[in-house]
PDB file of N, CA and C in Angstrom:
ATOM      1  N   MET A   1     -16.367 -16.298 -24.719  1.00  0.00           N
ATOM      2  CA  MET A   1     -16.702 -14.936 -24.382  1.00  0.00           C
ATOM      3  C   MET A   1     -17.528 -14.924 -23.104  1.00  0.00           C
ATOM      4  N   THR A   2     -17.416 -13.833 -22.388  1.00  0.00           N
ATOM      5  CA  THR A   2     -18.184 -13.711 -21.160  1.00  0.00           C
ATOM      6  C   THR A   2     -19.456 -12.931 -21.423  1.00  0.00           C
ATOM      7  N   GLU A   3     -20.443 -13.217 -20.633  1.00  0.00           N
ATOM      8  CA  GLU A   3     -21.703 -12.511 -20.747  1.00  0.00           C
ATOM      9  C   GLU A   3     -21.562 -11.127 -20.115  1.00  0.00           C
ATOM     10  N   PRO A   4     -22.330 -10.169 -20.579  1.00  0.00           N
ATOM     11  CA  PRO A   4     -22.242  -8.826 -19.997  1.00  0.00           C
ATOM     12  C   PRO A   4     -22.549  -8.805 -18.509  1.00  0.00           C
ATOM     13  N   SER A   5     -23.472  -9.648 -18.055  1.00  0.00           N
ATOM     14  CA  SER A   5     -23.825  -9.642 -16.636  1.00  0.00           C
ATOM     15  C   SER A   5     -22.669 -10.138 -15.780  1.00  0.00           C
ATOM     16  N   SER A   6     -21.924 -11.141 -16.260  1.00  0.00           N
ATOM     17  CA  SER A   6     -20.795 -11.627 -15.478  1.00  0.00           C
ATOM     18  C   SER A   6     -19.660 -10.608 -15.466  1.00  0.00           C
ATOM     19  N   THR A   7     -19.501  -9.865 -16.563  1.00  0.00           N
ATOM     20  CA  THR A   7     -18.496  -8.805 -16.599  1.00  0.00           C
ATOM     21  C   THR A   7     -18.868  -7.693 -15.637  1.00  0.00           C
ATOM     22  N   ALA A   8     -20.139  -7.335 -15.612  1.00  0.00           N
ATOM     23  CA  ALA A   8     -20.605  -6.303 -14.690  1.00  0.00           C
ATOM     24  C   ALA A   8     -20.433  -6.763 -13.247  1.00  0.00           C
ATOM     25  N   ALA A   9     -20.705  -8.028 -12.992  1.00  0.00           N
ATOM     26  CA  ALA A   9     -20.536  -8.558 -11.643  1.00  0.00           C
ATOM     27  C   ALA A   9     -19.068  -8.548 -11.245  1.00  0.00           C
ATOM     28  N   ARG A  10     -18.198  -8.872 -12.181  1.00  0.00           N
ATOM     29  CA  ARG A  10     -16.759  -8.867 -11.895  1.00  0.00           C
ATOM     30  C   ARG A  10     -16.287  -7.446 -11.578  1.00  0.00           C
ATOM     31  N   HIS A  11     -16.773  -6.467 -12.359  1.00  0.00           N
ATOM     32  CA  HIS A  11     -16.404  -5.072 -12.105  1.00  0.00           C
ATOM     33  C   HIS A  11     -16.940  -4.601 -10.758  1.00  0.00           C
ATOM     34  N   ALA A  12     -18.147  -5.001 -10.421  1.00  0.00           N
ATOM     35  CA  ALA A  12     -18.728  -4.625  -9.135  1.00  0.00           C
ATOM     36  C   ALA A  12     -17.939  -5.245  -7.983  1.00  0.00           C
ATOM     37  N   SER A  13     -17.522  -6.481  -8.157  1.00  0.00           N
ATOM     38  CA  SER A  13     -16.734  -7.163  -7.137  1.00  0.00           C
ATOM     39  C   SER A  13     -15.372  -6.490  -6.964  1.00  0.00           C
ATOM     40  N   LEU A  14     -14.759  -6.137  -8.077  1.00  0.00           N
ATOM     41  CA  LEU A  14     -13.463  -5.460  -8.024  1.00  0.00           C
ATOM     42  C   LEU A  14     -13.602  -4.104  -7.355  1.00  0.00           C
ATOM     43  N   LEU A  15     -14.652  -3.373  -7.662  1.00  0.00           N
ATOM     44  CA  LEU A  15     -14.897  -2.076  -7.043  1.00  0.00           C
ATOM     45  C   LEU A  15     -15.125  -2.225  -5.544  1.00  0.00           C
ATOM     46  N   ALA A  16     -15.876  -3.239  -5.155  1.00  0.00           N
ATOM     47  CA  ALA A  16     -16.121  -3.485  -3.730  1.00  0.00           C
ATOM     48  C   ALA A  16     -14.819  -3.799  -3.007  1.00  0.00           C
ATOM     49  N   CYS A  17     -13.947  -4.586  -3.625  1.00  0.00           N
ATOM     50  CA  CYS A  17     -12.644  -4.911  -3.026  1.00  0.00           C
ATOM     51  C   CYS A  17     -11.777  -3.671  -2.901  1.00  0.00           C
ATOM     52  N   ALA A  18     -11.804  -2.812  -3.909  1.00  0.00           N
ATOM     53  CA  ALA A  18     -11.013  -1.580  -3.870  1.00  0.00           C
ATOM     54  C   ALA A  18     -11.508  -0.651  -2.771  1.00  0.00           C
ATOM     55  N   ILE A  19     -12.816  -0.550  -2.622  1.00  0.00           N
ATOM     56  CA  ILE A  19     -13.381   0.296  -1.570  1.00  0.00           C
ATOM     57  C   ILE A  19     -13.040  -0.261  -0.196  1.00  0.00           C
ATOM     58  N   LEU A  20     -13.138  -1.571  -0.037  1.00  0.00           N
ATOM     59  CA  LEU A  20     -12.788  -2.200   1.232  1.00  0.00           C
ATOM     60  C   LEU A  20     -11.316  -1.967   1.558  1.00  0.00           C
ATOM     61  N   ALA A  21     -10.435  -2.107   0.579  1.00  0.00           N
ATOM     62  CA  ALA A  21      -9.009  -1.879   0.804  1.00  0.00           C
ATOM     63  C   ALA A  21      -8.747  -0.427   1.210  1.00  0.00           C
ATOM     64  N   ALA A  22      -9.437   0.510   0.569  1.00  0.00           N
ATOM     65  CA  ALA A  22      -9.271   1.927   0.914  1.00  0.00           C
ATOM     66  C   ALA A  22      -9.743   2.206   2.334  1.00  0.00           C
ATOM     67  N   VAL A  23     -10.865   1.630   2.715  1.00  0.00           N
ATOM     68  CA  VAL A  23     -11.390   1.833   4.069  1.00  0.00           C
ATOM     69  C   VAL A  23     -10.434   1.245   5.106  1.00  0.00           C
ATOM     70  N   LEU A  24      -9.917   0.045   4.833  1.00  0.00           N
ATOM     71  CA  LEU A  24      -8.974  -0.569   5.765  1.00  0.00           C
ATOM     72  C   LEU A  24      -7.693   0.240   5.869  1.00  0.00           C
ATOM     73  N   LEU A  25      -7.225   0.777   4.761  1.00  0.00           N
ATOM     74  CA  LEU A  25      -6.018   1.590   4.771  1.00  0.00           C
ATOM     75  C   LEU A  25      -6.229   2.859   5.586  1.00  0.00           C
ATOM     76  N   LEU A  26      -7.382   3.471   5.438  1.00  0.00           N
ATOM     77  CA  LEU A  26      -7.672   4.682   6.199  1.00  0.00           C
ATOM     78  C   LEU A  26      -7.921   4.388   7.676  1.00  0.00           C
ATOM     79  N   ALA A  27      -8.286   3.165   8.002  1.00  0.00           N
ATOM     80  CA  ALA A  27      -8.561   2.806   9.395  1.00  0.00           C
ATOM     81  C   ALA A  27      -7.276   2.504  10.173  1.00  0.00           C
ATOM     82  N   LEU A  28      -6.165   2.336   9.464  1.00  0.00           N
ATOM     83  CA  LEU A  28      -4.904   2.065  10.153  1.00  0.00           C
ATOM     84  C   LEU A  28      -4.479   3.280  10.968  1.00  0.00           C
ATOM     85  N   PRO A  29      -3.779   3.056  12.060  1.00  0.00           N
ATOM     86  CA  PRO A  29      -3.327   4.205  12.852  1.00  0.00           C
ATOM     87  C   PRO A  29      -2.335   5.046  12.054  1.00  0.00           C
ATOM     88  N   SER A  30      -2.352   6.346  12.287  1.00  0.00           N
ATOM     89  CA  SER A  30      -1.479   7.232  11.516  1.00  0.00           C
ATOM     90  C   SER A  30      -0.019   7.060  11.896  1.00  0.00           C
ATOM     91  N   ARG A  31       0.245   6.643  13.106  1.00  0.00           N
ATOM     92  CA  ARG A  31       1.626   6.433  13.538  1.00  0.00           C
ATOM     93  C   ARG A  31       1.769   4.996  14.041  1.00  0.00           C
ATOM     94  N   ALA A  32       2.591   4.259  13.366  1.00  0.00           N
ATOM     95  CA  ALA A  32       2.849   2.887  13.789  1.00  0.00           C
ATOM     96  C   ALA A  32       4.116   2.877  14.637  1.00  0.00           C
ATOM     97  N   PRO A  33       4.202   2.012  15.634  1.00  0.00           N
ATOM     98  CA  PRO A  33       5.404   1.980  16.467  1.00  0.00           C
ATOM     99  C   PRO A  33       6.610   1.493  15.669  1.00  0.00           C
ATOM    100  N   ALA A  34       7.756   2.032  15.992  1.00  0.00           N
ATOM    101  CA  ALA A  34       8.991   1.629  15.318  1.00  0.00           C
ATOM    102  C   ALA A  34       9.386   0.238  15.796  1.00  0.00           C
ATOM    103  N   GLN A  35      10.391  -0.320  15.158  1.00  0.00           N
ATOM    104  CA  GLN A  35      10.826  -1.670  15.515  1.00  0.00           C
ATOM    105  C   GLN A  35      11.644  -1.690  16.795  1.00  0.00           C
ATOM    106  N   GLY A  36      12.048  -0.549  17.279  1.00  0.00           N
ATOM    107  CA  GLY A  36      12.707  -0.509  18.578  1.00  0.00           C
ATOM    108  C   GLY A  36      14.212  -0.454  18.530  1.00  0.00           C
ATOM    109  N   CYS A  37      14.798   0.031  17.454  1.00  0.00           N
ATOM    110  CA  CYS A  37      16.246   0.188  17.389  1.00  0.00           C
ATOM    111  C   CYS A  37      16.639   1.247  18.412  1.00  0.00           C
ATOM    112  N   THR A  38      17.428   0.858  19.388  1.00  0.00           N
ATOM    113  CA  THR A  38      17.774   1.756  20.488  1.00  0.00           C
ATOM    114  C   THR A  38      18.515   2.991  20.000  1.00  0.00           C
ATOM    115  N   MET A  39      19.478   2.801  19.135  1.00  0.00           N
ATOM    116  CA  MET A  39      20.265   3.926  18.645  1.00  0.00           C
ATOM    117  C   MET A  39      19.385   4.907  17.861  1.00  0.00           C
ATOM    118  N   CYS A  40      18.521   4.389  17.023  1.00  0.00           N
ATOM    119  CA  CYS A  40      17.623   5.251  16.237  1.00  0.00           C
ATOM    120  C   CYS A  40      16.657   5.992  17.141  1.00  0.00           C
ATOM    121  N   ARG A  41      16.109   5.293  18.113  1.00  0.00           N
ATOM    122  CA  ARG A  41      15.140   5.910  19.019  1.00  0.00           C
ATOM    123  C   ARG A  41      15.790   7.021  19.831  1.00  0.00           C
ATOM    124  N   GLU A  42      16.987   6.780  20.359  1.00  0.00           N
ATOM    125  CA  GLU A  42      17.674   7.782  21.160  1.00  0.00           C
ATOM    126  C   GLU A  42      18.080   8.989  20.317  1.00  0.00           C
ATOM    127  N   THR A  43      18.557   8.754  19.109  1.00  0.00           N
ATOM    128  CA  THR A  43      18.947   9.852  18.231  1.00  0.00           C
ATOM    129  C   THR A  43      17.734  10.694  17.861  1.00  0.00           C
ATOM    130  N   ALA A  44      16.638  10.065  17.551  1.00  0.00           N
ATOM    131  CA  ALA A  44      15.421  10.802  17.196  1.00  0.00           C
ATOM    132  C   ALA A  44      14.872  11.565  18.395  1.00  0.00           C
ATOM    133  N   ALA A  45      14.995  11.000  19.588  1.00  0.00           N
ATOM    134  CA  ALA A  45      14.477  11.659  20.785  1.00  0.00           C
ATOM    135  C   ALA A  45      15.267  12.920  21.116  1.00  0.00           C
ATOM    136  N   MET A  46      16.542  12.973  20.740  1.00  0.00           N
ATOM    137  CA  MET A  46      17.377  14.138  21.037  1.00  0.00           C
ATOM    138  C   MET A  46      17.208  15.270  20.015  1.00  0.00           C
ATOM    139  N   GLN A  47      16.502  15.015  18.934  1.00  0.00           N
ATOM    140  CA  GLN A  47      16.348  16.018  17.886  1.00  0.00           C
ATOM    141  C   GLN A  47      15.308  17.065  18.273  1.00  0.00           C
ATOM    142  N   LYS A  48      15.444  18.230  17.665  1.00  0.00           N
ATOM    143  CA  LYS A  48      14.436  19.269  17.862  1.00  0.00           C
ATOM    144  C   LYS A  48      13.221  18.936  17.004  1.00  0.00           C
ATOM    145  N   ASP A  49      12.136  19.646  17.214  1.00  0.00           N
ATOM    146  CA  ASP A  49      10.885  19.356  16.512  1.00  0.00           C
ATOM    147  C   ASP A  49      11.032  19.432  15.000  1.00  0.00           C
ATOM    148  N   ARG A  50      11.771  20.422  14.519  1.00  0.00           N
ATOM    149  CA  ARG A  50      11.921  20.586  13.072  1.00  0.00           C
ATOM    150  C   ARG A  50      12.694  19.410  12.460  1.00  0.00           C
ATOM    151  N   ALA A  51      13.755  18.981  13.134  1.00  0.00           N
ATOM    152  CA  ALA A  51      14.543  17.852  12.633  1.00  0.00           C
ATOM    153  C   ALA A  51      13.738  16.557  12.717  1.00  0.00           C
ATOM    154  N   LEU A  52      12.939  16.421  13.756  1.00  0.00           N
ATOM    155  CA  LEU A  52      12.108  15.224  13.907  1.00  0.00           C
ATOM    156  C   LEU A  52      11.053  15.149  12.805  1.00  0.00           C
ATOM    157  N   THR A  53      10.472  16.284  12.459  1.00  0.00           N
ATOM    158  CA  THR A  53       9.495  16.334  11.366  1.00  0.00           C
ATOM    159  C   THR A  53      10.160  15.960  10.044  1.00  0.00           C
ATOM    160  N   ALA A  54      11.366  16.465   9.812  1.00  0.00           N
ATOM    161  CA  ALA A  54      12.101  16.131   8.588  1.00  0.00           C
ATOM    162  C   ALA A  54      12.415  14.638   8.536  1.00  0.00           C
ATOM    163  N   LEU A  55      12.771  14.064   9.678  1.00  0.00           N
ATOM    164  CA  LEU A  55      13.064  12.626   9.735  1.00  0.00           C
ATOM    165  C   LEU A  55      11.818  11.808   9.402  1.00  0.00           C
ATOM    166  N   GLN A  56      10.679  12.198   9.958  1.00  0.00           N
ATOM    167  CA  GLN A  56       9.440  11.475   9.685  1.00  0.00           C
ATOM    168  C   GLN A  56       9.035  11.599   8.216  1.00  0.00           C
ATOM    169  N   ARG A  57       9.200  12.760   7.637  1.00  0.00           N
ATOM    170  CA  ARG A  57       8.887  12.937   6.212  1.00  0.00           C
ATOM    171  C   ARG A  57       9.843  12.149   5.341  1.00  0.00           C
ATOM    172  N   GLY A  58      11.106  12.101   5.727  1.00  0.00           N
ATOM    173  CA  GLY A  58      12.089  11.325   4.965  1.00  0.00           C
ATOM    174  C   GLY A  58      11.752   9.843   4.944  1.00  0.00           C
ATOM    175  N   ILE A  59      11.286   9.337   6.069  1.00  0.00           N
ATOM    176  CA  ILE A  59      10.886   7.926   6.128  1.00  0.00           C
ATOM    177  C   ILE A  59       9.712   7.683   5.184  1.00  0.00           C
ATOM    178  N   GLY A  60       8.771   8.618   5.156  1.00  0.00           N
ATOM    179  CA  GLY A  60       7.634   8.495   4.237  1.00  0.00           C
ATOM    180  C   GLY A  60       8.052   8.523   2.785  1.00  0.00           C
ATOM    181  N   VAL A  61       8.981   9.408   2.455  1.00  0.00           N
ATOM    182  CA  VAL A  61       9.461   9.510   1.074  1.00  0.00           C
ATOM    183  C   VAL A  61      10.190   8.230   0.661  1.00  0.00           C
ATOM    184  N   LEU A  62      10.975   7.667   1.564  1.00  0.00           N
ATOM    185  CA  LEU A  62      11.707   6.444   1.251  1.00  0.00           C
ATOM    186  C   LEU A  62      10.792   5.229   1.107  1.00  0.00           C
ATOM    187  N   ALA A  63       9.582   5.305   1.627  1.00  0.00           N
ATOM    188  CA  ALA A  63       8.645   4.194   1.511  1.00  0.00           C
ATOM    189  C   ALA A  63       7.933   4.164   0.161  1.00  0.00           C
ATOM    190  N   VAL A  64       7.924   5.282  -0.557  1.00  0.00           N
ATOM    191  CA  VAL A  64       7.171   5.376  -1.814  1.00  0.00           C
ATOM    192  C   VAL A  64       7.688   4.422  -2.898  1.00  0.00           C
ATOM    193  N   PRO A  65       8.985   4.382  -3.232  1.00  0.00           N
ATOM    194  CA  PRO A  65       9.435   3.495  -4.317  1.00  0.00           C
ATOM    195  C   PRO A  65       9.138   2.006  -4.088  1.00  0.00           C
ATOM    196  N   PRO A  66       9.411   1.442  -2.897  1.00  0.00           N
ATOM    197  CA  PRO A  66       9.064   0.024  -2.722  1.00  0.00           C
ATOM    198  C   PRO A  66       7.569  -0.249  -2.842  1.00  0.00           C
ATOM    199  N   LEU A  67       6.752   0.675  -2.330  1.00  0.00           N
ATOM    200  CA  LEU A  67       5.305   0.492  -2.445  1.00  0.00           C
ATOM    201  C   LEU A  67       4.850   0.582  -3.899  1.00  0.00           C
ATOM    202  N   ALA A  68       5.461   1.481  -4.669  1.00  0.00           N
ATOM    203  CA  ALA A  68       5.101   1.613  -6.081  1.00  0.00           C
ATOM    204  C   ALA A  68       5.503   0.353  -6.857  1.00  0.00           C
ATOM    205  N   ILE A  69       6.681  -0.171  -6.576  1.00  0.00           N
ATOM    206  CA  ILE A  69       7.136  -1.384  -7.261  1.00  0.00           C
ATOM    207  C   ILE A  69       6.231  -2.563  -6.909  1.00  0.00           C
ATOM    208  N   ALA A  70       5.925  -2.726  -5.631  1.00  0.00           N
ATOM    209  CA  ALA A  70       5.058  -3.825  -5.210  1.00  0.00           C
ATOM    210  C   ALA A  70       3.665  -3.687  -5.819  1.00  0.00           C
ATOM    211  N   SER A  71       3.147  -2.474  -5.866  1.00  0.00           N
ATOM    212  CA  SER A  71       1.829  -2.246  -6.469  1.00  0.00           C
ATOM    213  C   SER A  71       1.848  -2.581  -7.956  1.00  0.00           C
ATOM    214  N   GLY A  72       2.937  -2.229  -8.645  1.00  0.00           N
ATOM    215  CA  GLY A  72       3.064  -2.541 -10.061  1.00  0.00           C
ATOM    216  C   GLY A  72       3.094  -4.033 -10.318  1.00  0.00           C
ATOM    217  N   VAL A  73       3.806  -4.764  -9.480  1.00  0.00           N
ATOM    218  CA  VAL A  73       3.869  -6.226  -9.630  1.00  0.00           C
ATOM    219  C   VAL A  73       2.496  -6.838  -9.398  1.00  0.00           C
ATOM    220  N   VAL A  74       1.803  -6.391  -8.355  1.00  0.00           N
ATOM    221  CA  VAL A  74       0.460  -6.918  -8.073  1.00  0.00           C
ATOM    222  C   VAL A  74      -0.481  -6.600  -9.234  1.00  0.00           C
ATOM    223  N   TRP A  75      -0.386  -5.396  -9.786  1.00  0.00           N
ATOM    224  CA  TRP A  75      -1.233  -5.010 -10.909  1.00  0.00           C
ATOM    225  C   TRP A  75      -0.956  -5.888 -12.123  1.00  0.00           C
ATOM    226  N   LEU A  76       0.328  -6.142 -12.426  1.00  0.00           N
ATOM    227  CA  LEU A  76       0.659  -6.999 -13.570  1.00  0.00           C
ATOM    228  C   LEU A  76       0.142  -8.428 -13.384  1.00  0.00           C
ATOM    229  N   VAL A  77       0.310  -8.954 -12.185  1.00  0.00           N
ATOM    230  CA  VAL A  77      -0.186 -10.311 -11.908  1.00  0.00           C
ATOM    231  C   VAL A  77      -1.695 -10.345 -12.035  1.00  0.00           C
ATOM    232  N   TRP A  78      -2.383  -9.332 -11.510  1.00  0.00           N
ATOM    233  CA  TRP A  78      -3.850  -9.280 -11.586  1.00  0.00           C
ATOM    234  C   TRP A  78      -4.306  -9.183 -13.038  1.00  0.00           C
ATOM    235  N   LYS A  79      -3.625  -8.370 -13.811  1.00  0.00           N
ATOM    236  CA  LYS A  79      -4.029  -8.156 -15.194  1.00  0.00           C
ATOM    237  C   LYS A  79      -3.817  -9.418 -16.036  1.00  0.00           C
ATOM    238  N   ARG A  80      -2.774 -10.168 -15.769  1.00  0.00           N
ATOM    239  CA  ARG A  80      -2.436 -11.334 -16.594  1.00  0.00           C
ATOM    240  C   ARG A  80      -2.799 -12.664 -15.933  1.00  0.00           C
ATOM    241  N   ARG A  81      -3.657 -12.634 -14.925  1.00  0.00           N
ATOM    242  CA  ARG A  81      -3.966 -13.848 -14.169  1.00  0.00           C
ATOM    243  C   ARG A  81      -4.641 -14.940 -14.987  1.00  0.00           C
ATOM    244  N   ASN A  82      -5.416 -14.600 -16.014  1.00  0.00           N
ATOM    245  CA  ASN A  82      -6.133 -15.588 -16.814  1.00  0.00           C
ATOM    246  C   ASN A  82      -5.547 -15.725 -18.219  1.00  0.00           C
ATOM    247  N   ARG A  83      -4.312 -15.323 -18.400  1.00  0.00           N
ATOM    248  CA  ARG A  83      -3.711 -15.299 -19.723  1.00  0.00           C
ATOM    249  C   ARG A  83      -3.662 -16.687 -20.346  1.00  0.00           C
ATOM    250  N   PHE A  84      -3.356 -17.706 -19.580  1.00  0.00           N
ATOM    251  CA  PHE A  84      -3.208 -19.055 -20.118  1.00  0.00           C
ATOM    252  C   PHE A  84      -4.354 -19.978 -19.706  1.00  0.00           C
ATOM    253  N   ALA A  85      -5.447 -19.419 -19.208  1.00  0.00           N
ATOM    254  CA  ALA A  85      -6.560 -20.231 -18.724  1.00  0.00           C
ATOM    255  C   ALA A  85      -7.278 -20.985 -19.850  1.00  0.00           C
ATOM    256  N   ASN A  86      -7.321 -20.435 -21.043  1.00  0.00           N
ATOM    257  CA  ASN A  86      -8.057 -21.050 -22.139  1.00  0.00           C
ATOM    258  C   ASN A  86      -7.248 -22.118 -22.865  1.00  0.00           C
ATOM    259  N   GLU A  87      -5.994 -22.261 -22.559  1.00  0.00           N
ATOM    260  CA  GLU A  87      -5.152 -23.241 -23.287  1.00  0.00           C
ATOM    261  C   GLU A  87      -5.237 -24.614 -22.671  1.00  0.00           C
TER     262      GLU A  87
END
């Protein structure tokens, strides 16, 4: 069994890591440069403002499922990291 102080320290450390990750995420630039696909860049440049906004929102929506899956995997690994440590 763990002592209450070590559990509290672990929770404090986890909270500090979460806060640091949030700060780093918020510090990232809001617009990252694209990879430079010429056809995509030219097509997007010819669009009107409304279509360009829809394209940018669509890219954001398409990013949600992979990020959710990756976050779920990281959470499962974190939760079960010490499962076999006592054996």
